[in-house]
Amino acid sequence: MSGGWWCDGVRWPGQAPELGWSRGGDRRVSVLAYGAGLGFWALGERHCVGARGNVCPLGVAVPGRSTGGRCAECARLDRAHSVAADTMADDPRTYRVYLAWFGPGMVKVGITGEERGATRLREQGAVVFSWLGRGPLMAARRTEEVLRAALGVPDRIPYARKRAVRGRLPGAEERAAEVAELYGRAAALEGRGWPESLERLPLEVVDQAELFGIDRTPAPVRSVRELVDGGVVAGRLVAAAGPDLHLAVDGVGVVVLDARLITGWDLAAVPAEAGSDVRVPLIDIGGGGVQGGLF
């Protein structure tokens, strides 16, 4: 899509990933389908995407490798209104505490608004998850902190680590068993740190590997490091997890494009008949070195 439309990144409102687009106050979405061609041609320079649906007043240029896509001021404004900023203590909504699994030994505890369902888990690329409890925001936040300390899990996991293991995950039974074991440890803490206002939810392991398409596609080998003026990324979409789009590219293999890197660019669509192409810097997944653009 071109003509002044800027990409807002990948969204997961339902069972299929979508690309969001904005032009001023207008919004559009493109529903993505596995097996279809998908490609972008970046033009000019990258600009700040603004905050909370508002255009950046200064139109500041931002680095190509920034996954936030915002200038410092817009990033501050965006975070100030987020749940993570702990500035919404009087929020009346119900929140859920979840356990999210991304790979062996790679687990986090988090919270999300109950009305959002599992959207947050899809946005993070959680391969497996289970709900732990539900209740008011501050009770959910307190439980999150207690469980992080008790289970020894981090508050976030870098996407680079998620990508590094995504192509070699254990089977569904092993994945479910690890989540069930951690759920049992968390449930054993009820009454010893869990706020009384937080209702514990029963174990229900949800595996999203099939939804993401990662259970039936080759492991990704490289990821896009950044877009550049005139850069092209095009291939066949074979999987998606969180913001990561897995593209099959002829002569390269499966390349991961973190859609957070394409926000703020003026993008032109690459016609499907143009075939697969990569003309941006790539980096090996798993900590390898940088490979130059392929032409």
Protein backbone atom coordinates (compact mmCIF):
# COMPACT_ATOMS: atom_id res chain seq x y z
CA MET A 1 0.00 0.00 0.00
CA SER A 2 1.38 3.45 -0.85
CA GLY A 3 0.01 6.94 -1.45
CA GLY A 4 0.95 8.37 1.95
CA TRP A 5 -0.12 5.33 4.02
CA TRP A 6 2.32 4.29 6.75
CA CYS A 7 2.44 0.83 8.30
CA ASP A 8 1.51 0.57 11.99
CA GLY A 9 2.85 -2.97 12.32
CA VAL A 10 1.30 -6.41 12.83
CA ARG A 11 -1.91 -6.86 14.84
CA TRP A 12 -3.58 -10.04 16.06
CA PRO A 13 -7.23 -9.17 16.78
CA GLY A 14 -8.35 -12.66 15.75
CA GLN A 15 -7.02 -15.89 14.30
CA ALA A 16 -5.06 -14.25 11.47
CA PRO A 17 -2.35 -11.57 11.49
CA GLU A 18 -3.13 -8.15 10.05
CA LEU A 19 -1.01 -5.22 8.95
CA GLY A 20 -2.31 -1.89 10.20
CA TRP A 21 -2.02 1.25 8.06
CA SER A 22 -2.55 4.90 8.92
CA ARG A 23 -2.73 8.18 7.04
CA GLY A 24 -3.46 11.08 9.35
CA GLY A 25 -6.57 10.03 11.27
CA ASP A 26 -7.55 7.30 8.79
CA ARG A 27 -6.93 3.62 9.56
CA ARG A 28 -6.96 0.51 7.40
CA VAL A 29 -5.92 -3.12 7.78
CA SER A 30 -4.60 -5.79 5.43
CA VAL A 31 -5.40 -9.35 6.53
CA LEU A 32 -2.44 -11.64 5.83
CA ALA A 33 -2.71 -15.19 4.49
CA TYR A 34 -0.09 -17.92 4.66
CA GLY A 35 1.11 -18.98 1.23
CA ALA A 36 0.50 -15.56 -0.32
CA GLY A 37 3.18 -13.26 -1.67
CA LEU A 38 4.15 -10.29 0.49
CA GLY A 39 6.68 -7.61 -0.30
CA PHE A 40 7.71 -4.04 0.46
CA TRP A 41 9.87 -1.39 -1.16
CA ALA A 42 11.01 1.31 1.29
CA LEU A 43 11.21 4.88 0.03
CA GLY A 44 12.88 8.00 1.44
CA GLU A 45 13.59 8.01 5.16
CA ARG A 46 11.85 6.64 8.21
CA HIS A 47 9.82 8.97 10.43
CA CYS A 48 8.38 8.75 13.94
CA VAL A 49 4.96 7.03 14.02
CA GLY A 50 3.64 9.28 16.80
CA ALA A 51 1.93 8.26 20.04
CA ARG A 52 -1.51 6.98 21.03
CA GLY A 53 -2.86 7.35 17.49
CA ASN A 54 -1.60 10.91 17.09
CA VAL A 55 0.86 12.07 14.43
CA CYS A 56 4.31 13.13 15.65
CA PRO A 57 4.12 16.97 15.60
CA LEU A 58 7.75 17.30 14.50
CA GLY A 59 7.88 14.45 11.98
CA VAL A 60 11.21 13.39 13.45
CA ALA A 61 13.40 10.93 11.53
CA VAL A 62 14.16 7.72 13.49
CA PRO A 63 16.92 5.09 13.05
CA GLY A 64 16.21 2.15 10.76
CA ARG A 65 17.06 -0.41 13.47
CA SER A 66 14.67 1.01 16.07
CA THR A 67 11.87 -1.46 16.83
CA GLY A 68 9.93 1.27 18.63
CA GLY A 69 9.73 3.55 15.59
CA ARG A 70 9.20 6.63 17.80
CA CYS A 71 11.18 9.70 18.76
CA ALA A 72 12.07 10.09 22.43
CA GLU A 73 9.12 12.39 23.22
CA CYS A 74 6.48 10.25 21.49
CA ALA A 75 7.91 7.14 23.14
CA ARG A 76 7.55 8.82 26.54
CA LEU A 77 3.95 9.83 25.84
CA ASP A 78 3.05 6.38 24.57
CA ARG A 79 4.46 4.62 27.63
CA ALA A 80 2.91 7.12 30.06
CA HIS A 81 -0.54 5.82 29.11
CA SER A 82 0.31 2.12 29.18
CA VAL A 83 -0.51 -0.41 31.88
CA ALA A 84 3.19 -1.16 32.24
CA ALA A 85 3.82 2.40 33.46
CA ASP A 86 1.79 1.80 36.66
CA THR A 87 -0.01 5.13 36.26
CA MET A 88 -3.53 3.64 36.04
CA ALA A 89 -4.16 2.44 39.60
CA ASP A 90 -7.85 3.43 39.38
CA ASP A 91 -8.47 1.43 36.19
CA PRO A 92 -11.85 -0.30 36.77
CA ARG A 93 -11.37 -3.06 34.21
CA THR A 94 -10.70 -6.73 34.97
CA TYR A 95 -7.23 -8.03 34.16
CA ARG A 96 -5.85 -11.51 33.66
CA VAL A 97 -2.49 -12.91 34.72
CA TYR A 98 -0.93 -15.32 32.24
CA LEU A 99 1.97 -17.73 31.89
CA ALA A 100 3.56 -17.54 28.41
CA TRP A 101 6.03 -20.10 26.97
CA PHE A 102 8.31 -19.28 24.02
CA GLY A 103 10.76 -22.18 24.14
CA PRO A 104 12.44 -24.58 26.60
CA GLY A 105 13.17 -22.66 29.79
CA MET A 106 11.89 -19.47 28.16
CA VAL A 107 8.82 -18.39 30.12
CA LYS A 108 7.36 -15.13 31.40
CA VAL A 109 4.45 -14.03 33.56
CA GLY A 110 2.40 -11.03 32.46
CA ILE A 111 -0.98 -9.33 32.60
CA THR A 112 -3.51 -8.22 29.99
CA GLY A 113 -6.97 -6.70 29.95
CA GLU A 114 -9.61 -9.44 30.08
CA GLU A 115 -11.59 -7.85 27.24
CA ARG A 116 -8.60 -8.38 24.93
CA GLY A 117 -8.74 -12.16 25.29
CA ALA A 118 -5.58 -13.83 23.97
CA THR A 119 -4.62 -10.94 21.67
CA ARG A 120 -1.66 -9.99 23.85
CA LEU A 121 -0.35 -13.56 23.76
CA ARG A 122 -0.52 -13.61 19.96
CA GLU A 123 1.17 -10.19 19.79
CA GLN A 124 4.09 -11.50 21.84
CA GLY A 125 4.44 -14.69 19.81
CA ALA A 126 3.75 -16.97 22.79
CA VAL A 127 3.84 -20.52 21.45
CA VAL A 128 1.98 -21.87 24.49
CA PHE A 129 0.15 -20.14 27.32
CA SER A 130 -2.23 -20.66 30.21
CA TRP A 131 -4.25 -18.20 32.26
CA LEU A 132 -3.38 -18.04 35.95
CA GLY A 133 -5.94 -15.66 37.46
CA ARG A 134 -8.24 -12.68 37.03
CA GLY A 135 -9.08 -9.61 39.08
CA PRO A 136 -8.49 -5.85 39.51
CA LEU A 137 -5.41 -4.25 37.97
CA MET A 138 -3.39 -3.76 41.15
CA ALA A 139 -4.14 -7.30 42.35
CA ALA A 140 -3.06 -8.67 38.97
CA ARG A 141 0.08 -6.53 39.07
CA ARG A 142 0.95 -7.71 42.59
CA THR A 143 0.43 -11.36 41.62
CA GLU A 144 2.60 -10.87 38.55
CA GLU A 145 5.44 -9.58 40.73
CA VAL A 146 5.07 -12.39 43.27
CA LEU A 147 5.09 -15.10 40.61
CA ARG A 148 8.08 -13.63 38.77
CA ALA A 149 10.12 -13.76 41.95
CA ALA A 150 8.89 -17.21 43.03
CA LEU A 151 9.25 -18.87 39.62
CA GLY A 152 12.46 -17.05 38.71
CA VAL A 153 11.15 -15.81 35.36
CA PRO A 154 11.89 -12.46 33.65
CA ASP A 155 9.44 -9.66 32.89
CA ARG A 156 10.30 -9.78 29.21
CA ILE A 157 12.11 -11.95 26.67
CA PRO A 158 13.92 -10.37 23.69
CA TYR A 159 12.53 -11.29 20.28
CA ALA A 160 16.00 -12.32 19.13
CA ARG A 161 15.92 -15.14 21.70
CA LYS A 162 12.43 -16.18 20.64
CA ARG A 163 13.52 -16.38 16.98
CA ALA A 164 16.62 -18.38 17.84
CA VAL A 165 14.55 -21.29 19.22
CA ARG A 166 11.38 -21.01 17.15
CA GLY A 167 12.61 -23.36 14.43
CA ARG A 168 13.60 -26.18 16.81
CA LEU A 169 10.87 -26.43 19.40
CA PRO A 170 10.04 -29.69 21.22
CA GLY A 171 6.77 -31.48 20.50
CA ALA A 172 3.37 -30.31 21.67
CA GLU A 173 3.22 -32.75 24.60
CA GLU A 174 6.57 -31.59 25.97
CA ARG A 175 5.55 -27.96 25.55
CA ALA A 176 2.30 -28.52 27.42
CA ALA A 177 4.06 -30.44 30.19
CA GLU A 178 6.46 -27.57 30.93
CA VAL A 179 3.60 -25.07 31.13
CA ALA A 180 1.56 -27.41 33.36
CA GLU A 181 4.52 -27.87 35.72
CA LEU A 182 5.02 -24.12 36.06
CA TYR A 183 1.29 -23.60 36.54
CA GLY A 184 1.38 -26.10 39.41
CA ARG A 185 4.22 -24.21 41.08
CA ALA A 186 2.34 -20.94 40.66
CA ALA A 187 -0.92 -22.36 42.01
CA ALA A 188 0.88 -23.67 45.09
CA LEU A 189 1.57 -20.06 46.06
CA GLU A 190 -2.12 -19.22 46.40
CA GLY A 191 -2.64 -17.85 49.89
CA ARG A 192 1.07 -17.00 50.18
CA GLY A 193 1.35 -13.76 48.27
CA TRP A 194 -1.65 -13.93 45.96
CA PRO A 195 -4.03 -11.03 46.76
CA GLU A 196 -7.42 -12.25 47.96
CA SER A 197 -9.13 -10.22 45.23
CA LEU A 198 -7.44 -12.25 42.50
CA GLU A 199 -9.40 -15.32 41.40
CA ARG A 200 -7.23 -18.26 40.33
CA LEU A 201 -8.24 -19.75 36.97
CA PRO A 202 -7.94 -23.47 36.15
CA LEU A 203 -5.11 -24.82 34.02
CA GLU A 204 -5.98 -24.68 30.31
CA VAL A 205 -2.96 -25.05 28.07
CA VAL A 206 -3.35 -23.28 24.72
CA ASP A 207 -0.83 -24.14 21.99
CA GLN A 208 -0.55 -21.56 19.18
CA ALA A 209 2.09 -23.22 16.99
CA GLU A 210 -0.49 -24.20 14.36
CA LEU A 211 -2.07 -20.74 14.45
CA PHE A 212 1.32 -19.16 13.80
CA GLY A 213 2.19 -21.72 11.10
CA ILE A 214 5.55 -22.50 12.71
CA ASP A 215 4.75 -26.20 13.13
CA ARG A 216 4.78 -26.89 9.39
CA THR A 217 7.44 -24.61 7.90
CA PRO A 218 11.24 -24.71 7.68
CA ALA A 219 13.18 -23.01 10.46
CA PRO A 220 14.07 -19.36 9.76
CA VAL A 221 17.73 -18.82 8.92
CA ARG A 222 18.12 -15.04 8.81
CA SER A 223 16.29 -11.93 9.89
CA VAL A 224 16.11 -8.42 8.47
CA ARG A 225 18.37 -6.06 10.40
CA GLU A 226 16.89 -2.80 9.08
CA LEU A 227 15.20 -1.26 6.06
CA VAL A 228 17.02 1.31 3.96
CA ASP A 229 15.98 3.77 1.27
CA GLY A 230 15.32 1.71 -1.85
CA GLY A 231 15.44 -1.53 0.15
CA VAL A 232 13.23 -4.44 -0.89
CA VAL A 233 11.93 -7.38 1.14
CA ALA A 234 9.67 -9.78 -0.73
CA GLY A 235 8.75 -13.43 -0.44
CA ARG A 236 5.97 -15.90 0.31
CA LEU A 237 4.47 -15.61 3.80
CA VAL A 238 4.76 -19.04 5.42
CA ALA A 239 4.33 -18.21 9.12
CA ALA A 240 3.94 -15.35 11.58
CA ALA A 241 4.45 -15.05 15.34
CA GLY A 242 3.95 -11.80 17.19
CA PRO A 243 5.43 -9.04 15.00
CA ASP A 244 7.61 -11.51 13.07
CA LEU A 245 6.66 -12.35 9.50
CA HIS A 246 8.36 -15.48 8.13
CA LEU A 247 9.00 -15.10 4.40
CA ALA A 248 10.27 -17.86 2.11
CA VAL A 249 12.84 -16.20 -0.16
CA ASP A 250 14.33 -17.99 -3.18
CA GLY A 251 18.00 -18.76 -2.76
CA VAL A 252 18.04 -17.70 0.90
CA GLY A 253 15.49 -19.73 2.86
CA VAL A 254 13.05 -18.42 5.42
CA VAL A 255 13.77 -14.83 6.40
CA VAL A 256 12.13 -13.16 9.41
CA LEU A 257 10.91 -9.60 8.99
CA ASP A 258 10.10 -7.94 12.31
CA ALA A 259 7.19 -5.73 11.26
CA ARG A 260 8.16 -3.19 13.91
CA LEU A 261 11.05 -2.28 11.59
CA ILE A 262 8.73 -1.22 8.76
CA THR A 263 6.68 1.28 10.76
CA GLY A 264 7.24 4.90 9.79
CA TRP A 265 8.43 4.12 6.27
CA ASP A 266 6.69 5.17 3.09
CA LEU A 267 6.20 1.72 1.57
CA ALA A 268 5.29 0.64 -1.93
CA ALA A 269 3.97 -2.87 -2.54
CA VAL A 270 6.16 -5.26 -4.51
CA PRO A 271 4.00 -7.05 -7.15
CA ALA A 272 3.64 -10.79 -6.60
CA GLU A 273 4.92 -11.46 -10.12
CA ALA A 274 8.20 -9.81 -9.16
CA GLY A 275 9.10 -12.91 -7.15
CA SER A 276 11.26 -13.20 -4.05
CA ASP A 277 13.90 -10.57 -3.37
CA VAL A 278 15.92 -9.18 -0.46
CA ARG A 279 17.87 -5.94 -0.76
CA VAL A 280 18.47 -5.00 2.86
CA PRO A 281 21.04 -6.05 5.48
CA LEU A 282 20.35 -9.47 7.01
CA ILE A 283 21.66 -11.09 10.17
CA ASP A 284 21.95 -14.80 10.90
CA ILE A 285 19.44 -16.06 13.46
CA GLY A 286 21.08 -17.52 16.52
CA GLY A 287 23.83 -14.94 16.97
CA GLY A 288 25.71 -15.27 13.69
CA GLY A 289 27.30 -12.45 11.79
CA VAL A 290 25.70 -9.90 9.50
CA GLN A 291 25.24 -10.74 5.87
CA GLY A 292 25.02 -7.92 3.36
CA GLY A 293 22.02 -7.22 1.19
CA LEU A 294 21.29 -9.76 -1.51
CA PHE A 295 20.73 -8.52 -5.05
